[in-house]
Amino acid sequence: MLKKAILIFTILLIGIGVMVMPIQSGILLTDREGEPFYFLPWDSDEITIGWRHSVELTPWKETYRITDEGSLSFKSTLYQSYGAGTPDVEGEVDFLENGFIQVTDIERKIAYYSLYYVSISQYYLEENEKKYPLSQYVPENTNVQIHYEQLQTYEWLGLKLKRINKEG
């Protein structure tokens, strides 16, 4: 009887441990209220958000380092033409040979990245040169928040089940 109790207790401890241990680190796309759209497994300690500027119609990229706490720390921005929203009074500006401008050394740390998704802007996430177009993960004309998260087993399973239910 004691061996059975120890076995049951051990199985119970292992089960609880599996449920509370982080299973997956990645990028969680949510709406403004925090309702998830999609979870992308992420192996890099950087994330690049790219888009086509709505006025200048030129490519832009912002790269952030993912901190140990899961926040995003600004690393650089890269753009082709000066216009609305362009950093001009902070950071170090480099004019690159390919016609792009790169700004670094801006002190900015954010809990998540927020944007309003419209397809004309062609937003995407990039990890080690692999692009993930937001058009595949979020609805048109939506406020989107981009978070770095370490999900526990039950959270990861919950997101999977919600996605299965939405897709039918």
N, C-alpha and C. Protein backbone atom coordinates (compact mmCIF):
# COMPACT_ATOMS: atom_id res chain seq x y z
N MET A 1 0.82 -1.19 0.00
CA MET A 1 0.00 0.00 0.00
C MET A 1 0.87 1.26 0.00
N LEU A 2 1.96 1.25 0.76
CA LEU A 2 2.86 2.40 0.83
C LEU A 2 3.52 2.64 -0.52
N LYS A 3 3.90 1.57 -1.23
CA LYS A 3 4.52 1.71 -2.55
C LYS A 3 3.54 2.34 -3.54
N LYS A 4 2.27 1.94 -3.47
CA LYS A 4 1.26 2.53 -4.36
C LYS A 4 1.08 4.01 -4.07
N ALA A 5 1.05 4.37 -2.81
CA ALA A 5 0.89 5.78 -2.42
C ALA A 5 2.08 6.61 -2.90
N ILE A 6 3.29 6.08 -2.76
CA ILE A 6 4.49 6.78 -3.23
C ILE A 6 4.45 6.93 -4.75
N LEU A 7 4.05 5.89 -5.45
CA LEU A 7 3.95 5.94 -6.91
C LEU A 7 2.91 6.98 -7.35
N ILE A 8 1.76 6.98 -6.74
CA ILE A 8 0.71 7.96 -7.07
C ILE A 8 1.20 9.37 -6.77
N PHE A 9 1.83 9.55 -5.63
CA PHE A 9 2.36 10.87 -5.25
C PHE A 9 3.42 11.34 -6.25
N THR A 10 4.30 10.44 -6.67
CA THR A 10 5.35 10.77 -7.64
C THR A 10 4.73 11.16 -8.98
N ILE A 11 3.77 10.39 -9.45
CA ILE A 11 3.10 10.69 -10.72
C ILE A 11 2.39 12.04 -10.63
N LEU A 12 1.76 12.29 -9.51
CA LEU A 12 1.07 13.57 -9.29
C LEU A 12 2.06 14.73 -9.32
N LEU A 13 3.19 14.59 -8.65
CA LEU A 13 4.21 15.64 -8.66
C LEU A 13 4.75 15.90 -10.06
N ILE A 14 5.02 14.84 -10.80
CA ILE A 14 5.52 14.98 -12.17
C ILE A 14 4.46 15.68 -13.03
N GLY A 15 3.21 15.29 -12.90
CA GLY A 15 2.12 15.91 -13.66
C GLY A 15 1.99 17.39 -13.37
N ILE A 16 2.05 17.75 -12.10
CA ILE A 16 1.96 19.17 -11.72
C ILE A 16 3.18 19.92 -12.25
N GLY A 17 4.35 19.31 -12.14
CA GLY A 17 5.57 19.94 -12.65
C GLY A 17 5.50 20.22 -14.14
N VAL A 18 5.00 19.26 -14.90
CA VAL A 18 4.88 19.44 -16.35
C VAL A 18 3.90 20.56 -16.67
N MET A 19 2.85 20.69 -15.89
CA MET A 19 1.83 21.71 -16.16
C MET A 19 2.32 23.13 -15.85
N VAL A 20 3.26 23.30 -14.93
CA VAL A 20 3.68 24.65 -14.56
C VAL A 20 5.03 25.05 -15.15
N MET A 21 5.77 24.11 -15.71
CA MET A 21 7.06 24.44 -16.33
C MET A 21 6.83 25.08 -17.70
N PRO A 22 7.63 26.11 -18.04
CA PRO A 22 7.51 26.67 -19.39
C PRO A 22 7.81 25.60 -20.43
N ILE A 23 6.94 25.51 -21.42
CA ILE A 23 7.15 24.53 -22.47
C ILE A 23 7.67 25.20 -23.73
N GLN A 24 7.25 26.44 -23.97
CA GLN A 24 7.58 27.08 -25.23
C GLN A 24 7.74 28.58 -25.05
N SER A 25 8.78 29.12 -25.64
CA SER A 25 8.97 30.56 -25.68
C SER A 25 8.62 31.03 -27.07
N GLY A 26 8.00 32.19 -27.17
CA GLY A 26 7.65 32.66 -28.49
C GLY A 26 6.97 34.01 -28.49
N ILE A 27 6.48 34.35 -29.66
CA ILE A 27 5.82 35.62 -29.89
C ILE A 27 4.31 35.38 -29.87
N LEU A 28 3.64 36.10 -28.99
CA LEU A 28 2.20 36.00 -28.86
C LEU A 28 1.58 37.25 -29.48
N LEU A 29 0.73 37.05 -30.47
CA LEU A 29 0.01 38.14 -31.11
C LEU A 29 -1.36 38.22 -30.48
N THR A 30 -1.71 39.38 -29.92
CA THR A 30 -3.00 39.55 -29.26
C THR A 30 -3.69 40.81 -29.79
N ASP A 31 -4.99 40.92 -29.47
CA ASP A 31 -5.68 42.17 -29.74
C ASP A 31 -5.43 43.11 -28.56
N ARG A 32 -6.03 44.28 -28.60
CA ARG A 32 -5.80 45.30 -27.56
C ARG A 32 -6.22 44.82 -26.18
N GLU A 33 -7.22 43.94 -26.11
CA GLU A 33 -7.71 43.42 -24.82
C GLU A 33 -6.91 42.22 -24.34
N GLY A 34 -5.94 41.78 -25.11
CA GLY A 34 -5.12 40.64 -24.71
C GLY A 34 -5.61 39.30 -25.21
N GLU A 35 -6.69 39.29 -26.02
CA GLU A 35 -7.18 38.04 -26.59
C GLU A 35 -6.22 37.57 -27.68
N PRO A 36 -5.76 36.34 -27.60
CA PRO A 36 -4.74 35.88 -28.55
C PRO A 36 -5.26 35.64 -29.96
N PHE A 37 -4.42 36.01 -30.93
CA PHE A 37 -4.64 35.66 -32.33
C PHE A 37 -3.82 34.42 -32.68
N TYR A 38 -2.53 34.45 -32.28
CA TYR A 38 -1.63 33.39 -32.71
C TYR A 38 -0.38 33.39 -31.84
N PHE A 39 0.23 32.23 -31.70
CA PHE A 39 1.49 32.08 -30.98
C PHE A 39 2.52 31.49 -31.92
N LEU A 40 3.64 32.20 -32.10
CA LEU A 40 4.74 31.73 -32.96
C LEU A 40 5.91 31.30 -32.08
N PRO A 41 6.31 30.04 -32.12
CA PRO A 41 7.53 29.65 -31.40
C PRO A 41 8.70 30.50 -31.90
N TRP A 42 9.58 30.92 -31.00
CA TRP A 42 10.65 31.86 -31.34
C TRP A 42 11.93 31.43 -30.66
N ASP A 43 12.99 31.20 -31.44
CA ASP A 43 14.25 30.72 -30.89
C ASP A 43 15.29 31.82 -30.73
N SER A 44 15.07 32.95 -31.36
CA SER A 44 16.06 34.03 -31.35
C SER A 44 15.86 34.94 -30.14
N ASP A 45 16.89 35.69 -29.79
CA ASP A 45 16.75 36.70 -28.74
C ASP A 45 16.52 38.08 -29.34
N GLU A 46 16.14 38.11 -30.63
CA GLU A 46 15.79 39.35 -31.32
C GLU A 46 14.52 39.15 -32.11
N ILE A 47 13.81 40.25 -32.34
CA ILE A 47 12.65 40.25 -33.22
C ILE A 47 12.71 41.51 -34.07
N THR A 48 12.45 41.35 -35.35
CA THR A 48 12.37 42.48 -36.26
C THR A 48 10.93 42.60 -36.73
N ILE A 49 10.40 43.82 -36.65
CA ILE A 49 9.08 44.12 -37.17
C ILE A 49 9.30 44.98 -38.41
N GLY A 50 8.78 44.53 -39.53
CA GLY A 50 8.97 45.26 -40.78
C GLY A 50 7.64 45.62 -41.40
N TRP A 51 7.66 46.66 -42.23
CA TRP A 51 6.46 47.10 -42.91
C TRP A 51 6.81 48.04 -44.05
N ARG A 52 5.82 48.38 -44.82
CA ARG A 52 5.96 49.39 -45.86
C ARG A 52 5.27 50.64 -45.34
N HIS A 53 6.01 51.74 -45.26
CA HIS A 53 5.46 52.98 -44.72
C HIS A 53 4.28 53.44 -45.56
N SER A 54 3.20 53.83 -44.90
CA SER A 54 1.95 54.14 -45.61
C SER A 54 2.02 55.43 -46.42
N VAL A 55 2.92 56.34 -46.11
CA VAL A 55 3.02 57.60 -46.85
C VAL A 55 4.17 57.54 -47.86
N GLU A 56 5.36 57.20 -47.39
CA GLU A 56 6.52 57.15 -48.29
C GLU A 56 6.53 55.91 -49.18
N LEU A 57 5.77 54.88 -48.78
CA LEU A 57 5.69 53.60 -49.51
C LEU A 57 7.06 52.95 -49.67
N THR A 58 7.88 53.08 -48.64
CA THR A 58 9.22 52.49 -48.63
C THR A 58 9.34 51.54 -47.44
N PRO A 59 10.28 50.59 -47.51
CA PRO A 59 10.42 49.61 -46.41
C PRO A 59 11.01 50.20 -45.14
N TRP A 60 10.51 49.72 -44.02
CA TRP A 60 11.02 50.09 -42.69
C TRP A 60 11.18 48.82 -41.88
N LYS A 61 12.16 48.82 -40.98
CA LYS A 61 12.35 47.70 -40.06
C LYS A 61 12.76 48.27 -38.70
N GLU A 62 12.22 47.68 -37.66
CA GLU A 62 12.68 47.97 -36.30
C GLU A 62 13.07 46.65 -35.67
N THR A 63 14.25 46.62 -35.09
CA THR A 63 14.75 45.40 -34.45
C THR A 63 14.86 45.64 -32.95
N TYR A 64 14.37 44.68 -32.19
CA TYR A 64 14.41 44.72 -30.74
C TYR A 64 15.10 43.48 -30.20
N ARG A 65 15.83 43.66 -29.12
CA ARG A 65 16.41 42.54 -28.39
C ARG A 65 15.40 42.12 -27.33
N ILE A 66 15.20 40.83 -27.18
CA ILE A 66 14.29 40.31 -26.16
C ILE A 66 15.08 40.16 -24.87
N THR A 67 14.66 40.87 -23.83
CA THR A 67 15.39 40.84 -22.56
C THR A 67 15.06 39.58 -21.77
N ASP A 68 15.83 39.34 -20.74
CA ASP A 68 15.57 38.18 -19.87
C ASP A 68 14.19 38.25 -19.22
N GLU A 69 13.67 39.45 -19.01
CA GLU A 69 12.35 39.62 -18.40
C GLU A 69 11.23 39.48 -19.43
N GLY A 70 11.58 39.41 -20.73
CA GLY A 70 10.57 39.27 -21.78
C GLY A 70 10.13 40.57 -22.41
N SER A 71 10.73 41.69 -22.00
CA SER A 71 10.38 42.95 -22.65
C SER A 71 11.24 43.12 -23.90
N LEU A 72 10.94 44.16 -24.66
CA LEU A 72 11.64 44.43 -25.91
C LEU A 72 12.50 45.67 -25.75
N SER A 73 13.78 45.55 -26.05
CA SER A 73 14.73 46.66 -25.93
C SER A 73 15.19 47.05 -27.33
N PHE A 74 14.99 48.32 -27.68
CA PHE A 74 15.30 48.81 -29.01
C PHE A 74 16.76 48.55 -29.38
N LYS A 75 16.96 48.04 -30.59
CA LYS A 75 18.31 47.81 -31.10
C LYS A 75 18.59 48.75 -32.27
N SER A 76 17.69 48.76 -33.27
CA SER A 76 17.90 49.64 -34.43
C SER A 76 16.64 49.79 -35.25
N THR A 77 16.63 50.83 -36.04
CA THR A 77 15.60 51.00 -37.06
C THR A 77 16.29 51.25 -38.38
N LEU A 78 15.69 50.77 -39.44
CA LEU A 78 16.28 50.87 -40.77
C LEU A 78 15.17 51.34 -41.71
N TYR A 79 15.43 52.44 -42.42
CA TYR A 79 14.44 52.97 -43.35
C TYR A 79 15.13 53.58 -44.55
N GLN A 80 14.33 53.81 -45.59
CA GLN A 80 14.90 54.26 -46.85
C GLN A 80 14.66 55.74 -47.08
N SER A 81 13.59 56.29 -46.54
CA SER A 81 13.31 57.70 -46.78
C SER A 81 12.80 58.36 -45.51
N TYR A 82 13.11 59.61 -45.37
CA TYR A 82 12.71 60.37 -44.20
C TYR A 82 11.25 60.78 -44.32
N GLY A 83 10.52 60.66 -43.23
CA GLY A 83 9.11 61.06 -43.25
C GLY A 83 8.52 60.99 -41.87
N ALA A 84 7.21 60.99 -41.80
CA ALA A 84 6.49 60.98 -40.53
C ALA A 84 6.93 59.80 -39.67
N GLY A 85 7.25 60.10 -38.41
CA GLY A 85 7.63 59.05 -37.47
C GLY A 85 9.10 58.70 -37.47
N THR A 86 9.87 59.36 -38.32
CA THR A 86 11.30 59.05 -38.42
C THR A 86 12.04 59.63 -37.22
N PRO A 87 12.86 58.82 -36.54
CA PRO A 87 13.67 59.36 -35.44
C PRO A 87 14.64 60.41 -35.99
N ASP A 88 14.68 61.59 -35.35
CA ASP A 88 15.58 62.61 -35.87
C ASP A 88 16.35 63.37 -34.79
N VAL A 89 16.03 63.12 -33.53
CA VAL A 89 16.73 63.87 -32.48
C VAL A 89 17.42 62.98 -31.46
N GLU A 90 17.33 61.68 -31.64
CA GLU A 90 17.98 60.78 -30.69
C GLU A 90 18.66 59.65 -31.44
N GLY A 91 19.63 59.04 -30.80
CA GLY A 91 20.32 57.90 -31.40
C GLY A 91 21.45 58.30 -32.32
N GLU A 92 22.10 57.29 -32.85
CA GLU A 92 23.21 57.48 -33.78
C GLU A 92 22.72 57.12 -35.18
N VAL A 93 22.91 58.03 -36.13
CA VAL A 93 22.41 57.85 -37.49
C VAL A 93 23.56 57.48 -38.42
N ASP A 94 23.37 56.41 -39.20
CA ASP A 94 24.34 55.99 -40.20
C ASP A 94 23.66 55.95 -41.56
N PHE A 95 24.28 56.60 -42.56
CA PHE A 95 23.80 56.53 -43.93
C PHE A 95 24.53 55.39 -44.61
N LEU A 96 23.79 54.36 -44.99
CA LEU A 96 24.38 53.15 -45.56
C LEU A 96 24.54 53.28 -47.07
N GLU A 97 25.46 52.52 -47.62
CA GLU A 97 25.76 52.59 -49.06
C GLU A 97 24.58 52.19 -49.92
N ASN A 98 23.69 51.36 -49.42
CA ASN A 98 22.55 50.90 -50.21
C ASN A 98 21.39 51.91 -50.23
N GLY A 99 21.61 53.10 -49.67
CA GLY A 99 20.58 54.14 -49.68
C GLY A 99 19.70 54.14 -48.45
N PHE A 100 19.89 53.18 -47.55
CA PHE A 100 19.10 53.13 -46.32
C PHE A 100 19.76 53.95 -45.22
N ILE A 101 18.97 54.30 -44.24
CA ILE A 101 19.43 55.02 -43.06
C ILE A 101 19.19 54.09 -41.88
N GLN A 102 20.21 53.93 -41.01
CA GLN A 102 20.07 53.08 -39.83
C GLN A 102 20.29 53.93 -38.60
N VAL A 103 19.37 53.81 -37.64
CA VAL A 103 19.48 54.53 -36.37
C VAL A 103 19.64 53.50 -35.26
N THR A 104 20.65 53.71 -34.43
CA THR A 104 20.92 52.84 -33.28
C THR A 104 21.08 53.71 -32.04
N ASP A 105 21.31 53.08 -30.91
CA ASP A 105 21.58 53.76 -29.64
C ASP A 105 20.45 54.64 -29.15
N ILE A 106 19.22 54.20 -29.37
CA ILE A 106 18.07 54.88 -28.77
C ILE A 106 17.68 54.06 -27.54
N GLU A 107 17.60 54.71 -26.41
CA GLU A 107 17.22 54.03 -25.17
C GLU A 107 15.70 53.89 -25.12
N ARG A 108 15.21 52.72 -25.45
CA ARG A 108 13.78 52.47 -25.42
C ARG A 108 13.54 51.01 -25.06
N LYS A 109 12.73 50.81 -24.04
CA LYS A 109 12.37 49.45 -23.60
C LYS A 109 10.86 49.43 -23.46
N ILE A 110 10.21 48.43 -24.08
CA ILE A 110 8.75 48.36 -24.06
C ILE A 110 8.32 46.95 -23.65
N ALA A 111 7.15 46.87 -23.03
CA ALA A 111 6.62 45.56 -22.62
C ALA A 111 6.15 44.77 -23.84
N TYR A 112 5.62 45.47 -24.84
CA TYR A 112 5.16 44.84 -26.07
C TYR A 112 5.14 45.90 -27.16
N TYR A 113 5.09 45.44 -28.39
CA TYR A 113 5.03 46.32 -29.56
C TYR A 113 3.57 46.39 -30.00
N SER A 114 3.08 47.58 -30.28
CA SER A 114 1.69 47.76 -30.66
C SER A 114 1.61 48.39 -32.04
N LEU A 115 0.66 47.93 -32.85
CA LEU A 115 0.46 48.50 -34.18
C LEU A 115 -0.99 48.32 -34.60
N TYR A 116 -1.39 49.07 -35.61
CA TYR A 116 -2.72 48.91 -36.21
C TYR A 116 -2.49 48.22 -37.54
N TYR A 117 -3.02 46.99 -37.67
CA TYR A 117 -2.74 46.21 -38.87
C TYR A 117 -3.70 46.54 -40.00
N VAL A 118 -3.11 46.97 -41.13
CA VAL A 118 -3.81 47.11 -42.40
C VAL A 118 -2.94 46.44 -43.45
N SER A 119 -3.56 45.76 -44.39
CA SER A 119 -2.79 44.96 -45.34
C SER A 119 -1.88 45.79 -46.23
N ILE A 120 -2.24 47.02 -46.53
CA ILE A 120 -1.43 47.85 -47.42
C ILE A 120 -0.02 48.09 -46.85
N SER A 121 0.10 48.02 -45.53
CA SER A 121 1.41 48.24 -44.89
C SER A 121 2.31 47.01 -44.94
N GLN A 122 1.75 45.87 -45.26
CA GLN A 122 2.53 44.64 -45.43
C GLN A 122 3.41 44.32 -44.21
N TYR A 123 2.84 44.41 -43.03
CA TYR A 123 3.58 44.11 -41.80
C TYR A 123 4.04 42.66 -41.77
N TYR A 124 5.20 42.45 -41.18
CA TYR A 124 5.72 41.10 -40.98
C TYR A 124 6.63 41.08 -39.76
N LEU A 125 6.82 39.88 -39.21
CA LEU A 125 7.82 39.65 -38.17
C LEU A 125 8.95 38.89 -38.83
N GLU A 126 10.16 39.11 -38.35
CA GLU A 126 11.31 38.43 -38.95
C GLU A 126 12.20 37.87 -37.85
N GLU A 127 12.59 36.62 -38.05
CA GLU A 127 13.51 35.93 -37.15
C GLU A 127 14.57 35.26 -38.01
N ASN A 128 15.83 35.70 -37.84
CA ASN A 128 16.93 35.12 -38.61
C ASN A 128 16.61 35.03 -40.11
N GLU A 129 16.13 36.12 -40.66
CA GLU A 129 15.80 36.26 -42.09
C GLU A 129 14.57 35.48 -42.54
N LYS A 130 13.87 34.81 -41.63
CA LYS A 130 12.60 34.16 -41.97
C LYS A 130 11.47 35.13 -41.64
N LYS A 131 10.62 35.38 -42.63
CA LYS A 131 9.53 36.35 -42.46
C LYS A 131 8.21 35.66 -42.20
N TYR A 132 7.43 36.27 -41.28
CA TYR A 132 6.10 35.81 -40.93
C TYR A 132 5.13 36.96 -41.21
N PRO A 133 4.46 36.96 -42.37
CA PRO A 133 3.52 38.04 -42.69
C PRO A 133 2.34 38.05 -41.72
N LEU A 134 2.04 39.22 -41.15
CA LEU A 134 0.93 39.30 -40.20
C LEU A 134 -0.40 38.97 -40.87
N SER A 135 -0.48 39.12 -42.19
CA SER A 135 -1.72 38.80 -42.90
C SER A 135 -2.15 37.35 -42.69
N GLN A 136 -1.21 36.48 -42.32
CA GLN A 136 -1.54 35.07 -42.09
C GLN A 136 -2.05 34.80 -40.67
N TYR A 137 -1.93 35.80 -39.79
CA TYR A 137 -2.21 35.53 -38.37
C TYR A 137 -3.25 36.44 -37.73
N VAL A 138 -3.48 37.62 -38.30
CA VAL A 138 -4.39 38.57 -37.66
C VAL A 138 -5.39 39.12 -38.68
N PRO A 139 -6.57 39.51 -38.22
CA PRO A 139 -7.56 40.07 -39.14
C PRO A 139 -7.20 41.50 -39.57
N GLU A 140 -7.73 41.89 -40.71
CA GLU A 140 -7.55 43.24 -41.26
C GLU A 140 -8.14 44.28 -40.31
N ASN A 141 -7.54 45.47 -40.29
CA ASN A 141 -8.03 46.62 -39.51
C ASN A 141 -8.18 46.29 -38.02
N THR A 142 -7.09 45.82 -37.44
CA THR A 142 -7.10 45.37 -36.05
C THR A 142 -5.92 45.95 -35.29
N ASN A 143 -6.16 46.34 -34.04
CA ASN A 143 -5.05 46.68 -33.15
C ASN A 143 -4.37 45.39 -32.75
N VAL A 144 -3.05 45.34 -32.90
CA VAL A 144 -2.28 44.13 -32.61
C VAL A 144 -1.18 44.47 -31.61
N GLN A 145 -1.03 43.61 -30.63
CA GLN A 145 0.08 43.72 -29.69
C GLN A 145 0.98 42.51 -29.89
N ILE A 146 2.29 42.77 -29.92
CA ILE A 146 3.28 41.72 -30.15
C ILE A 146 4.06 41.55 -28.85
N HIS A 147 3.87 40.41 -28.19
CA HIS A 147 4.49 40.12 -26.90
C HIS A 147 5.47 38.96 -27.04
N TYR A 148 6.51 38.97 -26.23
CA TYR A 148 7.34 37.78 -26.07
C TYR A 148 6.86 37.09 -24.80
N GLU A 149 6.55 35.80 -24.91
CA GLU A 149 6.01 35.07 -23.75
C GLU A 149 6.69 33.72 -23.61
N GLN A 150 6.77 33.26 -22.38
CA GLN A 150 7.15 31.88 -22.09
C GLN A 150 5.90 31.22 -21.54
N LEU A 151 5.31 30.35 -22.34
CA LEU A 151 4.05 29.72 -21.97
C LEU A 151 4.28 28.44 -21.19
N GLN A 152 3.41 28.21 -20.22
CA GLN A 152 3.41 26.95 -19.51
C GLN A 152 2.52 25.98 -20.26
N THR A 153 2.62 24.71 -19.96
CA THR A 153 1.91 23.68 -20.71
C THR A 153 0.42 23.96 -20.84
N TYR A 154 -0.24 24.30 -19.75
CA TYR A 154 -1.68 24.51 -19.80
C TYR A 154 -2.03 25.74 -20.64
N GLU A 155 -1.17 26.79 -20.63
CA GLU A 155 -1.42 27.97 -21.46
C GLU A 155 -1.27 27.63 -22.95
N TRP A 156 -0.21 26.89 -23.25
CA TRP A 156 0.06 26.49 -24.63
C TRP A 156 -1.09 25.62 -25.16
N LEU A 157 -1.53 24.66 -24.35
CA LEU A 157 -2.65 23.81 -24.75
C LEU A 157 -3.93 24.63 -24.94
N GLY A 158 -4.16 25.59 -24.06
CA GLY A 158 -5.34 26.46 -24.18
C GLY A 158 -5.35 27.25 -25.48
N LEU A 159 -4.20 27.78 -25.86
CA LEU A 159 -4.10 28.52 -27.12
C LEU A 159 -4.34 27.61 -28.32
N LYS A 160 -3.78 26.41 -28.26
CA LYS A 160 -3.98 25.44 -29.35
C LYS A 160 -5.47 25.10 -29.49
N LEU A 161 -6.13 24.85 -28.37
CA LEU A 161 -7.56 24.50 -28.41
C LEU A 161 -8.41 25.65 -28.93
N LYS A 162 -8.10 26.90 -28.52
CA LYS A 162 -8.85 28.06 -29.03
C LYS A 162 -8.70 28.18 -30.53
N ARG A 163 -7.47 27.98 -31.02
CA ARG A 163 -7.23 28.08 -32.46
C ARG A 163 -7.97 26.99 -33.23
N ILE A 164 -7.97 25.78 -32.68
CA ILE A 164 -8.70 24.67 -33.33
C ILE A 164 -10.19 25.00 -33.37
N ASN A 165 -10.74 25.54 -32.28
CA ASN A 165 -12.16 25.89 -32.23
C ASN A 165 -12.50 26.99 -33.24
N LYS A 166 -11.63 28.00 -33.38
CA LYS A 166 -11.87 29.09 -34.33
C LYS A 166 -11.82 28.59 -35.77
N GLU A 167 -10.90 27.68 -36.04
CA GLU A 167 -10.74 27.20 -37.42
C GLU A 167 -11.80 26.16 -37.78
N GLY A 168 -12.50 25.66 -36.78
CA GLY A 168 -13.60 24.72 -37.04
C GLY A 168 -13.19 23.34 -37.03
